[in-house]
Amino acid sequence: MFDFSAHLDLASKVILVKHATIACSNMLNAFFSMYQMKSDVLLHPDGRLAGAMKKRDRENDVWSEHTRLLQKTLISFLSNKIDKIEYLLFKAIMLCNPAVPGLSIFDQQVIEKERNQYMKALLNYCFLQHGTLNGPARFAAIIALAPVIEGQSKQQRDFHVWLKATHFHKHQKLTDRNRKCLSGMFNEIMES
């Protein structure tokens, strides 16, 4: 939906979308829980706790760690009191990541130019909202959330690989090697 995407080749668009999907999904879920559901824990639209497991699985440390992992972006947003404009600009900055591996030099330049525009817009917004004294610190605090969100995305990808390996091992024991329980697109995103 970005205007600059018309200038990227298809392969770069796919790489960029795969890379940004999990982080953007995490940010959307966090913002939705925070502002729509007025919650300090990550919730699904129907009000259920995100990452909640069946009673027998709750005792498993892996699942409880996964549930805590899902809350990281929300905790970051809450502790920094991210508002709607900051969220939208920051999300655009996270999407426009020229450092994603596999992008051509030309596409990196196009993406970087777009990212810089969103960075300037966020900086200007921070100046308007927090003044010349506190604006730069606010901007830096928001940008500092990027490694937290990227780290959460990476951990979710790692968890997916672990689940997939566990699932494969289970079906291998049952001699059901060809069974697919996850969509191909989901696997591509999680394994990108």
Foldseek 3Di string as FASTA:
>chain_A
DDPLVVVFDPVVVVLLCLLLVQLLVLLVQLVCCCPVVVDLARADPVGHGPLDDDPVCVVPPVSVVLRVLSNQNNNLCVVLVQDDLLSVLLSLLSSLQLPRPPGDPVSSVSSVVVSVVSLVVQLVVLCVVPNPVCSVVSSVSSVVCNVSSSVSLLVQLVVVVVVVVVVCVVVVVVVNNPDDDDDPVVNSSSPD
